[in-house]
Structures are given as C-alpha cells and as structure tokens.
PDB file of all heavy atoms in Angstrom:
ATOM      1  N   GLY A   1      -2.779   9.832  -2.997  1.00  0.00           N
ATOM      2  CA  GLY A   1      -3.402   9.142  -4.110  1.00  0.00           C
ATOM      3  C   GLY A   1      -3.807   7.728  -3.774  1.00  0.00           C
ATOM      4  O   GLY A   1      -4.220   6.969  -4.652  1.00  0.00           O
ATOM      5  N   GLY A   2      -3.675   7.365  -2.481  1.00  0.00           N
ATOM      6  CA  GLY A   2      -4.013   6.018  -2.065  1.00  0.00           C
ATOM      7  C   GLY A   2      -2.778   5.160  -1.849  1.00  0.00           C
ATOM      8  O   GLY A   2      -1.656   5.548  -2.218  1.00  0.00           O
ATOM      9  N   VAL A   3      -2.971   3.990  -1.252  1.00  0.00           N
ATOM     10  CA  VAL A   3      -1.861   3.087  -0.949  1.00  0.00           C
ATOM     11  C   VAL A   3      -2.258   1.638  -1.219  1.00  0.00           C
ATOM     12  O   VAL A   3      -3.438   1.298  -1.304  1.00  0.00           O
ATOM     13  CB  VAL A   3      -1.407   3.207   0.528  1.00  0.00           C
ATOM     14  CG1 VAL A   3      -1.070   4.650   0.879  1.00  0.00           C
ATOM     15  CG2 VAL A   3      -2.471   2.660   1.479  1.00  0.00           C
ATOM     16  N   LEU A   4      -1.249   0.809  -1.360  1.00  0.00           N
ATOM     17  CA  LEU A   4      -1.413  -0.641  -1.368  1.00  0.00           C
ATOM     18  C   LEU A   4      -0.743  -1.153  -0.103  1.00  0.00           C
ATOM     19  O   LEU A   4       0.407  -0.799   0.179  1.00  0.00           O
ATOM     20  CB  LEU A   4      -0.774  -1.248  -2.612  1.00  0.00           C
ATOM     21  CG  LEU A   4      -0.996  -2.758  -2.847  1.00  0.00           C
ATOM     22  CD1 LEU A   4      -0.995  -3.064  -4.345  1.00  0.00           C
ATOM     23  CD2 LEU A   4       0.077  -3.612  -2.155  1.00  0.00           C
ATOM     24  N   TRP A   5      -1.459  -1.990   0.667  1.00  0.00           N
ATOM     25  CA  TRP A   5      -0.940  -2.418   1.954  1.00  0.00           C
ATOM     26  C   TRP A   5      -0.856  -3.941   2.070  1.00  0.00           C
ATOM     27  O   TRP A   5      -1.471  -4.682   1.306  1.00  0.00           O
ATOM     28  CB  TRP A   5      -1.785  -1.873   3.107  1.00  0.00           C
ATOM     29  CG  TRP A   5      -3.270  -2.136   3.000  1.00  0.00           C
ATOM     30  CD1 TRP A   5      -4.223  -1.292   2.519  1.00  0.00           C
ATOM     31  CD2 TRP A   5      -3.963  -3.341   3.394  1.00  0.00           C
ATOM     32  NE1 TRP A   5      -5.466  -1.885   2.576  1.00  0.00           N
ATOM     33  CE2 TRP A   5      -5.335  -3.136   3.103  1.00  0.00           C
ATOM     34  CE3 TRP A   5      -3.563  -4.546   3.944  1.00  0.00           C
ATOM     35  CZ2 TRP A   5      -6.299  -4.105   3.369  1.00  0.00           C
ATOM     36  CZ3 TRP A   5      -4.519  -5.517   4.201  1.00  0.00           C
ATOM     37  CH2 TRP A   5      -5.863  -5.291   3.915  1.00  0.00           C
ATOM     38  N   GLU A   6      -0.084  -4.375   3.052  1.00  0.00           N
ATOM     39  CA  GLU A   6       0.117  -5.799   3.340  1.00  0.00           C
ATOM     40  C   GLU A   6      -0.121  -6.033   4.832  1.00  0.00           C
ATOM     41  O   GLU A   6       0.250  -5.200   5.658  1.00  0.00           O
ATOM     42  CB  GLU A   6       1.551  -6.192   2.976  1.00  0.00           C
ATOM     43  CG  GLU A   6       1.967  -7.589   3.429  1.00  0.00           C
ATOM     44  CD  GLU A   6       3.474  -7.790   3.273  1.00  0.00           C
ATOM     45  OE1 GLU A   6       3.901  -8.143   2.165  1.00  0.00           O
ATOM     46  OE2 GLU A   6       4.204  -7.579   4.268  1.00  0.00           O
ATOM     47  N   TYR A   7      -0.733  -7.171   5.132  1.00  0.00           N
ATOM     48  CA  TYR A   7      -0.937  -7.527   6.543  1.00  0.00           C
ATOM     49  C   TYR A   7      -0.480  -8.959   6.769  1.00  0.00           C
ATOM     50  O   TYR A   7      -0.962  -9.892   6.121  1.00  0.00           O
ATOM     51  CB  TYR A   7      -2.406  -7.376   6.951  1.00  0.00           C
ATOM     52  CG  TYR A   7      -2.643  -7.672   8.409  1.00  0.00           C
ATOM     53  CD1 TYR A   7      -2.231  -6.772   9.392  1.00  0.00           C
ATOM     54  CD2 TYR A   7      -3.253  -8.855   8.814  1.00  0.00           C
ATOM     55  CE1 TYR A   7      -2.429  -7.038  10.741  1.00  0.00           C
ATOM     56  CE2 TYR A   7      -3.459  -9.132  10.149  1.00  0.00           C
ATOM     57  CZ  TYR A   7      -3.042  -8.226  11.115  1.00  0.00           C
ATOM     58  OH  TYR A   7      -3.229  -8.498  12.447  1.00  0.00           O
ATOM     59  N   ASP A   8       0.484  -9.109   7.664  1.00  0.00           N
ATOM     60  CA  ASP A   8       1.011 -10.424   8.038  1.00  0.00           C
ATOM     61  C   ASP A   8       0.109 -11.005   9.120  1.00  0.00           C
ATOM     62  O   ASP A   8       0.086 -10.516  10.254  1.00  0.00           O
ATOM     63  CB  ASP A   8       2.450 -10.297   8.523  1.00  0.00           C
ATOM     64  CG  ASP A   8       3.130 -11.655   8.697  1.00  0.00           C
ATOM     65  OD1 ASP A   8       2.494 -12.574   9.255  1.00  0.00           O
ATOM     66  OD2 ASP A   8       4.290 -11.802   8.283  1.00  0.00           O
ATOM     67  N   ILE A   9      -0.659 -12.041   8.751  1.00  0.00           N
ATOM     68  CA  ILE A   9      -1.634 -12.616   9.678  1.00  0.00           C
ATOM     69  C   ILE A   9      -0.960 -13.233  10.890  1.00  0.00           C
ATOM     70  O   ILE A   9      -1.440 -13.103  12.031  1.00  0.00           O
ATOM     71  CB  ILE A   9      -2.485 -13.683   8.948  1.00  0.00           C
ATOM     72  CG1 ILE A   9      -3.196 -13.082   7.734  1.00  0.00           C
ATOM     73  CG2 ILE A   9      -3.502 -14.310   9.895  1.00  0.00           C
ATOM     74  CD1 ILE A   9      -3.922 -14.097   6.883  1.00  0.00           C
ATOM     75  N   ILE A  10       0.158 -13.897  10.701  1.00  0.00           N
ATOM     76  CA  ILE A  10       0.843 -14.592  11.790  1.00  0.00           C
ATOM     77  C   ILE A  10       1.466 -13.612  12.776  1.00  0.00           C
ATOM     78  O   ILE A  10       1.324 -13.741  13.998  1.00  0.00           O
ATOM     79  CB  ILE A  10       1.912 -15.546  11.225  1.00  0.00           C
ATOM     80  CG1 ILE A  10       1.248 -16.625  10.369  1.00  0.00           C
ATOM     81  CG2 ILE A  10       2.720 -16.182  12.358  1.00  0.00           C
ATOM     82  CD1 ILE A  10       2.224 -17.566   9.707  1.00  0.00           C
ATOM     83  N   LEU A  11       2.150 -12.601  12.241  1.00  0.00           N
ATOM     84  CA  LEU A  11       2.844 -11.648  13.107  1.00  0.00           C
ATOM     85  C   LEU A  11       1.961 -10.474  13.519  1.00  0.00           C
ATOM     86  O   LEU A  11       2.320  -9.717  14.430  1.00  0.00           O
ATOM     87  CB  LEU A  11       4.086 -11.122  12.396  1.00  0.00           C
ATOM     88  CG  LEU A  11       5.136 -12.169  12.007  1.00  0.00           C
ATOM     89  CD1 LEU A  11       6.299 -11.506  11.285  1.00  0.00           C
ATOM     90  CD2 LEU A  11       5.632 -12.919  13.247  1.00  0.00           C
ATOM     91  N   GLY A  12       0.830 -10.315  12.846  1.00  0.00           N
ATOM     92  CA  GLY A  12      -0.054  -9.205  13.167  1.00  0.00           C
ATOM     93  C   GLY A  12       0.539  -7.856  12.809  1.00  0.00           C
ATOM     94  O   GLY A  12       0.322  -6.871  13.513  1.00  0.00           O
ATOM     95  N   ILE A  13       1.284  -7.802  11.696  1.00  0.00           N
ATOM     96  CA  ILE A  13       1.976  -6.579  11.298  1.00  0.00           C
ATOM     97  C   ILE A  13       1.368  -6.009  10.019  1.00  0.00           C
ATOM     98  O   ILE A  13       1.247  -6.708   9.014  1.00  0.00           O
ATOM     99  CB  ILE A  13       3.483  -6.833  11.080  1.00  0.00           C
ATOM    100  CG1 ILE A  13       4.126  -7.303  12.390  1.00  0.00           C
ATOM    101  CG2 ILE A  13       4.181  -5.582  10.558  1.00  0.00           C
ATOM    102  CD1 ILE A  13       5.587  -7.666  12.244  1.00  0.00           C
ATOM    103  N   PHE A  14       0.995  -4.725  10.072  1.00  0.00           N
ATOM    104  CA  PHE A  14       0.482  -4.001   8.916  1.00  0.00           C
ATOM    105  C   PHE A  14       1.610  -3.182   8.301  1.00  0.00           C
ATOM    106  O   PHE A  14       2.344  -2.485   9.010  1.00  0.00           O
ATOM    107  CB  PHE A  14      -0.658  -3.079   9.341  1.00  0.00           C
ATOM    108  CG  PHE A  14      -1.195  -2.201   8.230  1.00  0.00           C
ATOM    109  CD1 PHE A  14      -2.301  -2.594   7.500  1.00  0.00           C
ATOM    110  CD2 PHE A  14      -0.591  -0.984   7.933  1.00  0.00           C
ATOM    111  CE1 PHE A  14      -2.798  -1.795   6.481  1.00  0.00           C
ATOM    112  CE2 PHE A  14      -1.086  -0.173   6.919  1.00  0.00           C
ATOM    113  CZ  PHE A  14      -2.192  -0.585   6.188  1.00  0.00           C
ATOM    114  N   THR A  15       1.746  -3.254   6.961  1.00  0.00           N
ATOM    115  CA  THR A  15       2.811  -2.511   6.278  1.00  0.00           C
ATOM    116  C   THR A  15       2.262  -1.836   5.035  1.00  0.00           C
ATOM    117  O   THR A  15       1.621  -2.481   4.208  1.00  0.00           O
ATOM    118  CB  THR A  15       3.963  -3.448   5.855  1.00  0.00           C
ATOM    119  OG1 THR A  15       4.410  -4.199   6.978  1.00  0.00           O
ATOM    120  CG2 THR A  15       5.126  -2.641   5.285  1.00  0.00           C
ATOM    121  N   LYS A  16       2.514  -0.543   4.917  1.00  0.00           N
ATOM    122  CA  LYS A  16       2.192   0.144   3.677  1.00  0.00           C
ATOM    123  C   LYS A  16       3.287  -0.206   2.674  1.00  0.00           C
ATOM    124  O   LYS A  16       4.468   0.040   2.912  1.00  0.00           O
ATOM    125  CB  LYS A  16       2.142   1.654   3.883  1.00  0.00           C
ATOM    126  CG  LYS A  16       1.769   2.430   2.620  1.00  0.00           C
ATOM    127  CD  LYS A  16       1.911   3.930   2.823  1.00  0.00           C
ATOM    128  CE  LYS A  16       3.386   4.323   2.989  1.00  0.00           C
ATOM    129  NZ  LYS A  16       3.569   5.776   3.082  1.00  0.00           N
ATOM    130  N   LYS A  17       2.890  -0.760   1.510  1.00  0.00           N
ATOM    131  CA  LYS A  17       3.883  -1.229   0.546  1.00  0.00           C
ATOM    132  C   LYS A  17       4.091  -0.258  -0.611  1.00  0.00           C
ATOM    133  O   LYS A  17       5.204  -0.124  -1.118  1.00  0.00           O
ATOM    134  CB  LYS A  17       3.461  -2.593  -0.022  1.00  0.00           C
ATOM    135  CG  LYS A  17       3.239  -3.672   1.018  1.00  0.00           C
ATOM    136  CD  LYS A  17       4.499  -3.979   1.794  1.00  0.00           C
ATOM    137  CE  LYS A  17       5.554  -4.657   0.965  1.00  0.00           C
ATOM    138  NZ  LYS A  17       6.737  -5.075   1.756  1.00  0.00           N
ATOM    139  N   GLN A  18       3.026   0.403  -1.073  1.00  0.00           N
ATOM    140  CA  GLN A  18       3.143   1.277  -2.230  1.00  0.00           C
ATOM    141  C   GLN A  18       2.299   2.534  -2.027  1.00  0.00           C
ATOM    142  O   GLN A  18       1.209   2.484  -1.447  1.00  0.00           O
ATOM    143  CB  GLN A  18       2.660   0.568  -3.502  1.00  0.00           C
ATOM    144  CG  GLN A  18       3.541  -0.578  -3.962  1.00  0.00           C
ATOM    145  CD  GLN A  18       4.815  -0.092  -4.626  1.00  0.00           C
ATOM    146  OE1 GLN A  18       4.841   0.974  -5.254  1.00  0.00           O
ATOM    147  NE2 GLN A  18       5.886  -0.864  -4.492  1.00  0.00           N
ATOM    148  N   ASP A  19       2.828   3.674  -2.523  1.00  0.00           N
ATOM    149  CA  ASP A  19       2.082   4.930  -2.546  1.00  0.00           C
ATOM    150  C   ASP A  19       1.716   5.244  -3.990  1.00  0.00           C
ATOM    151  O   ASP A  19       2.596   5.380  -4.841  1.00  0.00           O
ATOM    152  CB  ASP A  19       2.939   6.073  -1.984  1.00  0.00           C
ATOM    153  CG  ASP A  19       3.224   5.915  -0.505  1.00  0.00           C
ATOM    154  OD1 ASP A  19       2.339   6.266   0.298  1.00  0.00           O
ATOM    155  OD2 ASP A  19       4.330   5.450  -0.161  1.00  0.00           O
ATOM    156  N   PHE A  20       0.440   5.335  -4.289  1.00  0.00           N
ATOM    157  CA  PHE A  20       0.012   5.711  -5.630  1.00  0.00           C
ATOM    158  C   PHE A  20       0.272   7.201  -5.826  1.00  0.00           C
ATOM    159  O   PHE A  20      -0.090   8.020  -4.973  1.00  0.00           O
ATOM    160  CB  PHE A  20      -1.457   5.361  -5.835  1.00  0.00           C
ATOM    161  CG  PHE A  20      -1.709   3.878  -5.861  1.00  0.00           C
ATOM    162  CD1 PHE A  20      -2.124   3.199  -4.711  1.00  0.00           C
ATOM    163  CD2 PHE A  20      -1.498   3.152  -7.021  1.00  0.00           C
ATOM    164  CE1 PHE A  20      -2.341   1.827  -4.733  1.00  0.00           C
ATOM    165  CE2 PHE A  20      -1.709   1.782  -7.059  1.00  0.00           C
ATOM    166  CZ  PHE A  20      -2.127   1.116  -5.909  1.00  0.00           C
ATOM    167  N   ASP A  21       0.906   7.527  -6.965  1.00  0.00           N
ATOM    168  CA  ASP A  21       1.427   8.885  -7.147  1.00  0.00           C
ATOM    169  C   ASP A  21       0.808   9.657  -8.295  1.00  0.00           C
ATOM    170  O   ASP A  21       1.227  10.774  -8.598  1.00  0.00           O
ATOM    171  CB  ASP A  21       2.935   8.831  -7.359  1.00  0.00           C
ATOM    172  CG  ASP A  21       3.332   8.043  -8.600  1.00  0.00           C
ATOM    173  OD1 ASP A  21       2.435   7.543  -9.301  1.00  0.00           O
ATOM    174  OD2 ASP A  21       4.536   7.931  -8.868  1.00  0.00           O
ATOM    175  N   GLY A  22      -0.163   9.085  -8.988  1.00  0.00           N
ATOM    176  CA  GLY A  22      -0.771   9.795 -10.103  1.00  0.00           C
ATOM    177  C   GLY A  22      -0.274   9.278 -11.434  1.00  0.00           C
ATOM    178  O   GLY A  22      -0.733   8.269 -11.948  1.00  0.00           O
ATOM    179  N   THR A  23       0.720   9.935 -12.008  1.00  0.00           N
ATOM    180  CA  THR A  23       1.174   9.619 -13.363  1.00  0.00           C
ATOM    181  C   THR A  23       1.834   8.257 -13.460  1.00  0.00           C
ATOM    182  O   THR A  23       1.531   7.468 -14.365  1.00  0.00           O
ATOM    183  CB  THR A  23       2.156  10.688 -13.864  1.00  0.00           C
ATOM    184  OG1 THR A  23       1.517  11.963 -13.836  1.00  0.00           O
ATOM    185  CG2 THR A  23       2.605  10.384 -15.286  1.00  0.00           C
ATOM    186  N   ASN A  24       2.745   7.926 -12.580  1.00  0.00           N
ATOM    187  CA  ASN A  24       3.534   6.699 -12.698  1.00  0.00           C
ATOM    188  C   ASN A  24       2.775   5.450 -12.283  1.00  0.00           C
ATOM    189  O   ASN A  24       2.879   4.405 -12.945  1.00  0.00           O
ATOM    190  CB  ASN A  24       4.816   6.818 -11.872  1.00  0.00           C
ATOM    191  CG  ASN A  24       5.729   7.889 -12.389  1.00  0.00           C
ATOM    192  OD1 ASN A  24       5.934   8.027 -13.586  1.00  0.00           O
ATOM    193  ND2 ASN A  24       6.282   8.690 -11.478  1.00  0.00           N
ATOM    194  N   LYS A  25       2.029   5.525 -11.214  1.00  0.00           N
ATOM    195  CA  LYS A  25       1.363   4.343 -10.663  1.00  0.00           C
ATOM    196  C   LYS A  25      -0.159   4.454 -10.654  1.00  0.00           C
ATOM    197  O   LYS A  25      -0.827   3.483 -10.309  1.00  0.00           O
ATOM    198  CB  LYS A  25       1.851   4.081  -9.243  1.00  0.00           C
ATOM    199  CG  LYS A  25       3.350   3.839  -9.131  1.00  0.00           C
ATOM    200  CD  LYS A  25       3.778   3.652  -7.694  1.00  0.00           C
ATOM    201  CE  LYS A  25       5.284   3.438  -7.579  1.00  0.00           C
ATOM    202  NZ  LYS A  25       5.724   3.285  -6.180  1.00  0.00           N
ATOM    203  N   GLY A  26      -0.686   5.599 -11.044  1.00  0.00           N
ATOM    204  CA  GLY A  26      -2.112   5.819 -10.944  1.00  0.00           C
ATOM    205  C   GLY A  26      -2.489   6.402  -9.594  1.00  0.00           C
ATOM    206  O   GLY A  26      -1.646   6.543  -8.699  1.00  0.00           O
ATOM    207  N   SER A  27      -3.749   6.730  -9.434  1.00  0.00           N
ATOM    208  CA  SER A  27      -4.250   7.247  -8.156  1.00  0.00           C
ATOM    209  C   SER A  27      -5.703   6.837  -7.983  1.00  0.00           C
ATOM    210  O   SER A  27      -6.384   6.487  -8.945  1.00  0.00           O
ATOM    211  CB  SER A  27      -4.119   8.770  -8.085  1.00  0.00           C
ATOM    212  OG  SER A  27      -4.887   9.396  -9.090  1.00  0.00           O
ATOM    213  N   LEU A  28      -6.164   6.886  -6.746  1.00  0.00           N
ATOM    214  CA  LEU A  28      -7.509   6.474  -6.362  1.00  0.00           C
ATOM    215  C   LEU A  28      -7.761   5.016  -6.761  1.00  0.00           C
ATOM    216  O   LEU A  28      -8.594   4.720  -7.625  1.00  0.00           O
ATOM    217  CB  LEU A  28      -8.568   7.388  -6.976  1.00  0.00           C
ATOM    218  CG  LEU A  28     -10.005   7.186  -6.484  1.00  0.00           C
ATOM    219  CD1 LEU A  28     -10.119   7.417  -4.988  1.00  0.00           C
ATOM    220  CD2 LEU A  28     -10.955   8.108  -7.219  1.00  0.00           C
TER     221      LEU A  28
END
C-alpha cells in the first residue's frame, strides 16, 4: 500500500519508517 521513508543526509542512510496498510493508515 506504499511506504513513508526517511533519508539521513549526513550518514547516507535510507530507512523505511511506515507501511501503509489500507484501513488503519490509508494506502496509495
């Protein structure tokens, strides 16, 4: 259903923070 992500510019680290699930958080 899509994701919300974070990128640390200094450390160069990409992290997936949230998974959209449909009913609870929405999707797309």
